[in-house]
Amino acid sequence: MNILFISIAWPAKNQRNLYTDLMDAFVADGHRVVVVGTTEEQDAIPVVKEENAKLVLRVPSGKIRKASYVRKILSLFTLGPKMKSAIYNHLGNQQFDMILGATPPITLSKLYLTLKRKYGAPFYLMLKDIWPQGSVDLGVIRQGGPGWLYLRSHEVRLYKAANYIGCMSPRGKEYLLSKNKFLERSNVEVCPNSISPTPVKDLPGAGNIRKKYGIPENACVFLFSGNLGIGHGLHFLVDVINSLRDYTGAYFIIGGAGTQYNFLERKFAEDPPKNAFLYNWLPREDFEQILMTSDVGLILLYKYTSPQFPSRLLSYLDYSMPALCAINPETDMGSIVENAECGKYVHHGDKADFIKAVEYFSEHPEERRKMGSNGRNLLLREYTAEHSYQIIAKHFTG
């Protein structure tokens, strides 16, 4: 089959994420993949290049990442027409058997409808974010207001355009069906976030990384790395770190970029914690060594009333780390990790329970290692790119 995949999250050449891993699975099974991604480079023009056995058309998008909400929304509102023009000009003579897309954003709904008609191809939607409900939960827009009505119209049109919708978890599937009664249950399924597992390896120097960054040798290291956004409620983690500053059994590493990095940097500057380390960027080799020396991965979800399933969990499972989840009650990630015996979860904001879990992990290293092994097995069993590929491909191949 010829696959057209559209994503604002396609990474730079030679970098990987869950989408590159999934498209690699399509290519490995003999399919041809063309990707339409974005570039935020100023003065860029649409260009098609081959990257890792896939044709990639990068479309100038304006600022989306590390941008204010208003600027991000303006860029996303104009992205659909830009992508349509680039596809027609650079890919117009090609034929596609399937269109594959992911949220965010939902504002490409008209583009997907246009491409379905142009190519006569079915459309599979991977639902990774629920707009506009997420923005309502975080207080960015008001339910029933003009912004909500506009985004909701895109959301409905997007769902109606999709032949099939893949949700990240069972509770996500049920949430989608309950809020959108027009959807056919048979067209909605669970298609989880997934990756190609990393071969187990030892990195030279991994044993020295704690000394390099001043991380206590005997402490249990808790890692929160990736996007640092308002939806994580990082004020809660700062409060926990302050409450545990005299507890020598635990050490916290927070790293990445996002709208809340400046908040964390200010808090750490006002009262530098001796039990935590904040970074914005690390060399790739150092980051991998940090992953290998960390003992527990943290998941934080705040205020959401819809199920979420952050992909950072997969990195933790990949490195045999148990997960400690402080999440919203609507999310089923906590029950999934506890049922698989690869982590613990508490409600976001319950500091007493969170601290109790931190102390448990810190004081039970054997149980921690057992949970980490269970997590790696869970990844291999249910969250590989090959597994997600089979879920999608069964609808379109014999």
Protein backbone atom coordinates (compact mmCIF):
# COMPACT_ATOMS: atom_id res chain seq x y z
CA MET A 1 0.00 0.00 0.00
CA ASN A 2 0.92 3.64 -0.44
CA ILE A 3 0.47 5.42 2.91
CA LEU A 4 0.13 9.19 3.42
CA PHE A 5 0.91 10.10 7.02
CA ILE A 6 0.31 13.64 8.33
CA SER A 7 1.82 14.81 11.62
CA ILE A 8 3.04 17.99 13.32
CA ALA A 9 5.24 15.79 15.53
CA TRP A 10 7.49 14.23 12.88
CA PRO A 11 11.03 14.79 14.23
CA ALA A 12 14.17 16.03 12.53
CA LYS A 13 16.08 13.64 10.28
CA ASN A 14 17.82 10.80 12.14
CA GLN A 15 15.76 11.42 15.27
CA ARG A 16 12.99 9.06 16.36
CA ASN A 17 9.74 9.03 18.27
CA LEU A 18 6.62 6.88 18.39
CA TYR A 19 5.58 8.02 14.89
CA THR A 20 8.88 7.18 13.19
CA ASP A 21 8.83 3.77 14.88
CA LEU A 22 5.28 3.12 13.63
CA MET A 23 6.08 4.19 10.07
CA ASP A 24 9.20 2.00 10.14
CA ALA A 25 6.88 -0.94 10.91
CA PHE A 26 4.81 -0.10 7.81
CA VAL A 27 7.96 0.10 5.67
CA ALA A 28 9.31 -3.16 7.09
CA ASP A 29 6.15 -4.93 5.93
CA GLY A 30 6.59 -3.69 2.37
CA HIS A 31 4.45 -0.55 2.33
CA ARG A 32 5.50 2.78 0.86
CA VAL A 33 5.20 5.72 3.25
CA VAL A 34 5.07 9.42 2.45
CA VAL A 35 5.10 11.78 5.44
CA VAL A 36 3.79 15.34 5.56
CA GLY A 37 5.42 17.07 8.52
CA THR A 38 6.22 20.61 9.57
CA THR A 39 9.19 22.91 9.96
CA GLU A 40 9.32 26.03 12.11
CA GLU A 41 12.37 27.44 10.32
CA GLN A 42 11.88 31.03 9.21
CA ASP A 43 11.79 31.64 5.45
CA ALA A 44 11.56 27.89 4.78
CA ILE A 45 9.75 26.60 1.70
CA PRO A 46 8.02 23.22 1.29
CA VAL A 47 10.57 20.59 0.29
CA VAL A 48 10.48 16.83 -0.26
CA LYS A 49 13.43 14.71 0.85
CA GLU A 50 14.03 11.01 1.46
CA GLU A 51 14.59 10.16 5.11
CA ASN A 52 15.15 6.59 6.28
CA ALA A 53 13.33 4.93 3.37
CA LYS A 54 10.41 7.41 3.53
CA LEU A 55 9.63 10.51 1.49
CA VAL A 56 9.10 13.47 3.83
CA LEU A 57 7.42 16.72 2.78
CA ARG A 58 8.11 19.43 5.35
CA VAL A 59 5.68 22.36 5.35
CA PRO A 60 6.48 25.72 7.04
CA SER A 61 4.08 25.96 9.97
CA GLY A 62 4.98 29.02 12.02
CA LYS A 63 5.74 28.59 15.71
CA ILE A 64 4.01 25.62 17.35
CA ARG A 65 6.43 24.35 19.97
CA LYS A 66 7.75 26.57 22.74
CA ALA A 67 5.20 29.22 21.72
CA SER A 68 2.45 31.08 23.55
CA TYR A 69 -1.02 29.58 23.34
CA VAL A 70 -2.26 32.38 21.05
CA ARG A 71 0.68 32.07 18.67
CA LYS A 72 0.38 28.29 18.60
CA ILE A 73 -3.34 28.47 17.81
CA LEU A 74 -2.76 31.00 15.00
CA SER A 75 -0.12 28.71 13.47
CA LEU A 76 -2.42 25.68 13.67
CA PHE A 77 -5.39 27.57 12.17
CA THR A 78 -3.37 28.39 9.04
CA LEU A 79 -1.58 25.04 8.76
CA GLY A 80 -4.35 23.18 6.90
CA PRO A 81 -4.34 25.42 3.79
CA LYS A 82 -0.51 25.42 3.80
CA MET A 83 -0.41 21.62 3.89
CA LYS A 84 -3.06 21.32 1.18
CA SER A 85 -1.11 23.62 -1.13
CA ALA A 86 2.16 21.77 -0.48
CA ILE A 87 0.58 18.34 -1.03
CA TYR A 88 -1.10 19.42 -4.28
CA ASN A 89 2.10 21.03 -5.58
CA HIS A 90 4.58 18.32 -4.52
CA LEU A 91 2.55 15.11 -4.22
CA GLY A 92 -0.48 15.81 -6.41
CA ASN A 93 0.29 13.18 -9.05
CA GLN A 94 0.82 10.38 -6.54
CA GLN A 95 -1.87 7.93 -5.46
CA PHE A 96 -2.45 6.82 -1.86
CA ASP A 97 -4.33 3.81 -0.53
CA MET A 98 -4.63 5.03 3.07
CA ILE A 99 -4.41 8.33 4.92
CA LEU A 100 -3.10 8.21 8.47
CA GLY A 101 -3.17 11.13 10.89
CA ALA A 102 -2.92 11.95 14.58
CA THR A 103 -4.15 14.57 16.99
CA PRO A 104 -3.10 17.16 17.89
CA PRO A 105 -4.23 19.18 16.05
CA ILE A 106 -7.92 18.81 15.29
CA THR A 107 -7.81 21.88 13.06
CA LEU A 108 -6.78 19.77 10.03
CA SER A 109 -10.29 18.31 9.77
CA LYS A 110 -11.06 20.01 6.45
CA LEU A 111 -7.71 18.89 5.03
CA TYR A 112 -8.44 15.23 5.79
CA LEU A 113 -11.86 15.46 4.14
CA THR A 114 -10.31 17.04 1.05
CA LEU A 115 -7.60 14.39 0.81
CA LYS A 116 -10.10 11.55 1.26
CA ARG A 117 -12.04 12.85 -1.74
CA LYS A 118 -8.91 13.53 -3.81
CA TYR A 119 -7.37 10.09 -3.35
CA GLY A 120 -10.49 8.02 -2.69
CA ALA A 121 -8.64 6.59 0.31
CA PRO A 122 -9.85 5.67 3.82
CA PHE A 123 -8.64 7.72 6.79
CA TYR A 124 -7.39 6.25 10.09
CA LEU A 125 -7.18 8.72 12.98
CA MET A 126 -4.87 8.10 15.94
CA LEU A 127 -6.40 10.07 18.79
CA LYS A 128 -3.51 11.28 20.98
CA ASP A 129 -5.16 14.39 22.42
CA ILE A 130 -8.76 15.48 22.99
CA TRP A 131 -9.48 19.05 21.98
CA PRO A 132 -11.14 21.29 22.95
CA GLN A 133 -11.86 19.52 26.26
CA GLY A 134 -8.21 19.58 27.33
CA SER A 135 -8.06 23.35 26.86
CA VAL A 136 -11.28 23.75 28.88
CA ASP A 137 -9.86 21.61 31.71
CA LEU A 138 -6.75 23.79 31.90
CA GLY A 139 -8.75 27.02 31.88
CA VAL A 140 -7.49 28.21 28.51
CA ILE A 141 -10.94 28.50 26.91
CA ARG A 142 -14.53 28.46 28.20
CA GLN A 143 -16.88 25.63 27.36
CA GLY A 144 -19.67 26.97 25.17
CA GLY A 145 -17.71 30.08 24.25
CA PRO A 146 -16.78 31.10 20.69
CA GLY A 147 -13.37 29.41 20.81
CA TRP A 148 -14.86 26.18 22.12
CA LEU A 149 -17.64 26.18 19.50
CA TYR A 150 -15.13 26.67 16.70
CA LEU A 151 -12.81 23.92 17.92
CA ARG A 152 -15.71 21.58 18.68
CA SER A 153 -16.91 21.96 15.08
CA HIS A 154 -13.45 20.87 13.91
CA GLU A 155 -13.48 17.98 16.37
CA VAL A 156 -16.85 16.66 15.17
CA ARG A 157 -15.87 17.02 11.51
CA LEU A 158 -12.58 15.21 12.16
CA TYR A 159 -14.29 12.25 13.86
CA LYS A 160 -16.90 12.01 11.12
CA ALA A 161 -14.17 12.06 8.46
CA ALA A 162 -12.35 9.11 10.03
CA ASN A 163 -13.17 5.59 8.88
CA TYR A 164 -11.54 4.29 12.04
CA ILE A 165 -10.36 5.95 15.25
CA GLY A 166 -7.63 4.47 17.44
CA CYS A 167 -7.66 5.56 21.10
CA MET A 168 -4.72 5.28 23.49
CA SER A 169 -6.44 3.17 26.17
CA PRO A 170 -9.71 1.36 26.96
CA ARG A 171 -11.00 4.26 29.05
CA GLY A 172 -10.11 6.68 26.27
CA LYS A 173 -12.23 4.66 23.87
CA GLU A 174 -15.23 4.67 26.20
CA TYR A 175 -14.84 8.40 26.86
CA LEU A 176 -14.83 9.19 23.14
CA LEU A 177 -17.94 7.11 22.50
CA SER A 178 -19.81 8.61 25.47
CA LYS A 179 -19.15 12.19 24.33
CA ASN A 180 -19.83 11.59 20.63
CA LYS A 181 -22.97 9.50 20.28
CA PHE A 182 -22.85 9.70 16.47
CA LEU A 183 -19.78 7.43 16.36
CA GLU A 184 -20.17 3.75 15.53
CA ARG A 185 -18.62 1.55 18.25
CA SER A 186 -17.29 -0.83 15.59
CA ASN A 187 -15.17 1.98 14.11
CA VAL A 188 -13.50 2.95 17.40
CA GLU A 189 -10.77 0.79 18.94
CA VAL A 190 -7.74 0.84 21.22
CA CYS A 191 -4.52 1.57 19.33
CA PRO A 192 -2.02 2.49 22.04
CA ASN A 193 1.06 4.65 22.00
CA SER A 194 3.94 2.40 21.03
CA ILE A 195 7.66 2.30 20.24
CA SER A 196 10.29 -0.06 18.91
CA PRO A 197 11.94 -1.40 22.07
CA THR A 198 15.58 -0.48 22.58
CA PRO A 199 17.96 -3.47 22.73
CA VAL A 200 19.22 -3.94 26.27
CA LYS A 201 22.72 -2.48 26.45
CA ASP A 202 25.35 -1.04 28.73
CA LEU A 203 26.59 2.46 27.99
CA PRO A 204 30.26 3.25 28.70
CA GLY A 205 30.41 5.81 31.50
CA ALA A 206 26.88 5.19 32.72
CA GLY A 207 28.28 4.38 36.14
CA ASN A 208 29.96 7.81 36.36
CA ILE A 209 26.98 9.96 35.39
CA ARG A 210 25.82 10.41 38.98
CA LYS A 211 29.20 11.80 39.98
CA LYS A 212 29.26 14.13 36.94
CA TYR A 213 25.92 15.76 37.88
CA GLY A 214 26.22 15.56 41.65
CA ILE A 215 23.57 12.85 42.02
CA PRO A 216 23.92 10.88 45.31
CA GLU A 217 25.24 7.38 44.65
CA ASN A 218 22.88 5.59 47.04
CA ALA A 219 19.69 7.54 46.46
CA CYS A 220 16.70 6.24 44.52
CA VAL A 221 16.48 8.55 41.49
CA PHE A 222 13.03 9.70 40.33
CA LEU A 223 12.98 11.06 36.76
CA PHE A 224 10.50 13.42 35.09
CA SER A 225 11.73 14.27 31.60
CA GLY A 226 10.12 15.61 28.44
CA ASN A 227 7.50 18.26 27.88
CA LEU A 228 7.07 20.54 30.90
CA GLY A 229 3.56 21.89 30.41
CA ILE A 230 0.77 23.31 32.52
CA GLY A 231 -1.15 20.04 32.29
CA HIS A 232 1.38 18.29 34.55
CA GLY A 233 0.76 20.45 37.61
CA LEU A 234 4.47 20.73 38.37
CA HIS A 235 3.82 22.91 41.41
CA PHE A 236 2.82 19.66 43.12
CA LEU A 237 6.19 18.06 42.37
CA VAL A 238 8.02 21.16 43.65
CA ASP A 239 6.01 20.93 46.88
CA VAL A 240 6.93 17.25 47.27
CA ILE A 241 10.62 17.96 46.66
CA ASN A 242 10.59 20.69 49.31
CA SER A 243 8.87 18.37 51.81
CA LEU A 244 11.49 15.66 51.20
CA ARG A 245 14.59 17.86 51.22
CA ASP A 246 15.90 16.18 54.38
CA TYR A 247 15.08 12.64 53.19
CA THR A 248 18.32 11.22 51.79
CA GLY A 249 16.77 8.14 50.22
CA ALA A 250 15.31 9.94 47.20
CA TYR A 251 16.64 12.31 44.55
CA PHE A 252 14.63 13.98 41.76
CA ILE A 253 15.68 14.84 38.20
CA ILE A 254 13.43 17.14 36.16
CA GLY A 255 14.33 17.99 32.59
CA GLY A 256 13.02 19.13 29.26
CA ALA A 257 11.35 22.15 27.73
CA GLY A 258 7.90 23.70 27.75
CA THR A 259 5.80 26.50 29.13
CA GLN A 260 6.55 25.58 32.75
CA TYR A 261 10.34 25.41 32.54
CA ASN A 262 10.73 29.05 33.57
CA PHE A 263 8.45 28.42 36.57
CA LEU A 264 10.68 25.53 37.68
CA GLU A 265 13.86 27.49 37.07
CA ARG A 266 12.54 30.38 39.19
CA LYS A 267 11.48 28.06 42.03
CA PHE A 268 14.84 26.29 42.05
CA ALA A 269 16.68 29.65 42.04
CA GLU A 270 14.61 31.05 44.93
CA ASP A 271 15.29 28.08 47.19
CA PRO A 272 17.83 25.67 45.65
CA PRO A 273 16.91 22.09 46.65
CA LYS A 274 19.68 19.71 47.60
CA ASN A 275 17.61 16.71 46.56
CA ALA A 276 16.85 17.69 42.95
CA PHE A 277 18.48 18.61 39.65
CA LEU A 278 16.83 20.63 36.86
CA TYR A 279 18.06 20.68 33.28
CA ASN A 280 16.83 22.17 30.02
CA TRP A 281 19.03 20.14 27.67
CA LEU A 282 21.64 17.40 27.93
CA PRO A 283 23.97 15.83 25.37
CA ARG A 284 22.33 12.70 23.94
CA GLU A 285 24.87 10.37 25.53
CA ASP A 286 24.43 12.00 28.95
CA PHE A 287 20.65 11.80 28.63
CA GLU A 288 20.79 8.08 27.86
CA GLN A 289 23.06 7.57 30.86
CA ILE A 290 20.62 9.53 33.04
CA LEU A 291 17.87 7.18 31.85
CA MET A 292 19.99 4.16 32.74
CA THR A 293 20.91 5.41 36.20
CA SER A 294 17.36 6.51 37.09
CA ASP A 295 15.30 4.13 39.21
CA VAL A 296 11.68 5.33 38.90
CA GLY A 297 9.89 7.28 36.16
CA LEU A 298 7.32 9.92 37.12
CA ILE A 299 3.99 10.57 35.38
CA LEU A 300 2.06 13.73 36.33
CA LEU A 301 -1.41 14.67 35.05
CA TYR A 302 -3.37 17.60 36.43
CA LYS A 303 -6.99 18.80 36.16
CA TYR A 304 -7.90 16.78 33.08
CA THR A 305 -11.42 15.36 32.96
CA SER A 306 -10.61 13.18 29.93
CA PRO A 307 -8.34 10.11 29.90
CA GLN A 308 -4.70 10.81 29.02
CA PHE A 309 -1.82 8.45 28.27
CA PRO A 310 1.57 10.25 28.13
CA SER A 311 4.06 8.56 25.82
CA ARG A 312 6.89 9.13 28.33
CA LEU A 313 5.65 6.00 30.11
CA LEU A 314 7.02 3.98 27.19
CA SER A 315 10.54 5.35 27.75
CA TYR A 316 10.37 4.28 31.38
CA LEU A 317 9.17 0.78 30.48
CA ASP A 318 11.83 0.57 27.76
CA TYR A 319 14.55 1.15 30.36
CA SER A 320 12.96 -1.24 32.89
CA MET A 321 11.93 1.57 35.22
CA PRO A 322 8.80 1.26 37.35
CA ALA A 323 6.41 4.21 37.12
CA LEU A 324 5.03 6.38 39.90
CA CYS A 325 1.90 8.08 38.55
CA ALA A 326 0.23 11.12 40.14
CA ILE A 327 -2.72 11.46 37.81
CA ASN A 328 -6.32 12.52 37.34
CA PRO A 329 -8.97 9.93 38.32
CA GLU A 330 -10.33 9.77 34.76
CA THR A 331 -7.08 8.29 33.41
CA ASP A 332 -6.61 4.50 33.40
CA MET A 333 -2.81 4.55 33.18
CA GLY A 334 -2.56 4.08 36.96
CA SER A 335 -4.68 0.93 36.99
CA ILE A 336 -2.80 -0.41 33.97
CA VAL A 337 0.62 -0.11 35.64
CA GLU A 338 -0.66 -1.48 38.95
CA ASN A 339 -2.39 -4.44 37.28
CA ALA A 340 0.86 -5.21 35.44
CA GLU A 341 2.76 -4.79 38.75
CA CYS A 342 5.12 -2.29 37.16
CA GLY A 343 4.34 0.80 39.23
CA LYS A 344 2.10 2.66 41.65
CA TYR A 345 -0.36 5.49 41.30
CA VAL A 346 -1.91 8.16 43.48
CA HIS A 347 -4.28 11.03 42.75
CA HIS A 348 -2.51 14.19 41.67
CA GLY A 349 -2.33 16.53 44.65
CA ASP A 350 -2.35 13.82 47.34
CA LYS A 351 1.03 14.67 48.80
CA ALA A 352 0.87 12.21 51.68
CA ASP A 353 0.24 9.24 49.39
CA PHE A 354 2.85 10.41 46.89
CA ILE A 355 5.51 10.73 49.59
CA LYS A 356 4.56 7.31 50.93
CA ALA A 357 5.12 5.85 47.45
CA VAL A 358 8.46 7.66 47.11
CA GLU A 359 9.61 6.19 50.40
CA TYR A 360 8.42 2.71 49.39
CA PHE A 361 10.40 2.75 46.15
CA SER A 362 13.44 4.19 47.91
CA GLU A 363 13.46 1.57 50.66
CA HIS A 364 12.58 -1.55 48.61
CA PRO A 365 15.20 -1.85 45.83
CA GLU A 366 14.43 -5.50 45.04
CA GLU A 367 10.73 -4.80 44.59
CA ARG A 368 11.68 -1.80 42.46
CA ARG A 369 13.80 -3.96 40.17
CA LYS A 370 11.05 -6.57 39.91
CA MET A 371 8.52 -3.89 38.90
CA GLY A 372 10.98 -2.57 36.31
CA SER A 373 11.31 -6.03 34.76
CA ASN A 374 7.51 -6.37 34.70
CA GLY A 375 7.31 -3.02 32.94
CA ARG A 376 9.71 -4.09 30.21
CA ASN A 377 7.62 -7.22 29.69
CA LEU A 378 4.44 -5.09 29.47
CA LEU A 379 6.08 -2.97 26.77
CA LEU A 380 7.08 -6.03 24.75
CA ARG A 381 3.62 -7.53 25.13
CA GLU A 382 1.34 -4.56 24.39
CA TYR A 383 3.16 -1.35 23.43
CA THR A 384 5.45 -2.15 20.50
CA ALA A 385 5.21 -0.35 17.17
CA GLU A 386 4.65 -3.71 15.51
CA HIS A 387 1.60 -4.28 17.73
CA SER A 388 0.07 -0.91 16.76
CA TYR A 389 0.91 -1.52 13.11
CA GLN A 390 -1.04 -4.79 13.14
CA ILE A 391 -4.06 -3.06 14.72
CA ILE A 392 -4.16 -0.45 11.94
CA ALA A 393 -3.16 -2.66 9.02
CA LYS A 394 -5.82 -5.29 9.64
CA HIS A 395 -8.45 -2.86 8.34
CA PHE A 396 -6.72 -2.30 4.99
CA THR A 397 -4.78 -5.46 4.14
CA GLY A 398 -5.98 -8.95 3.34
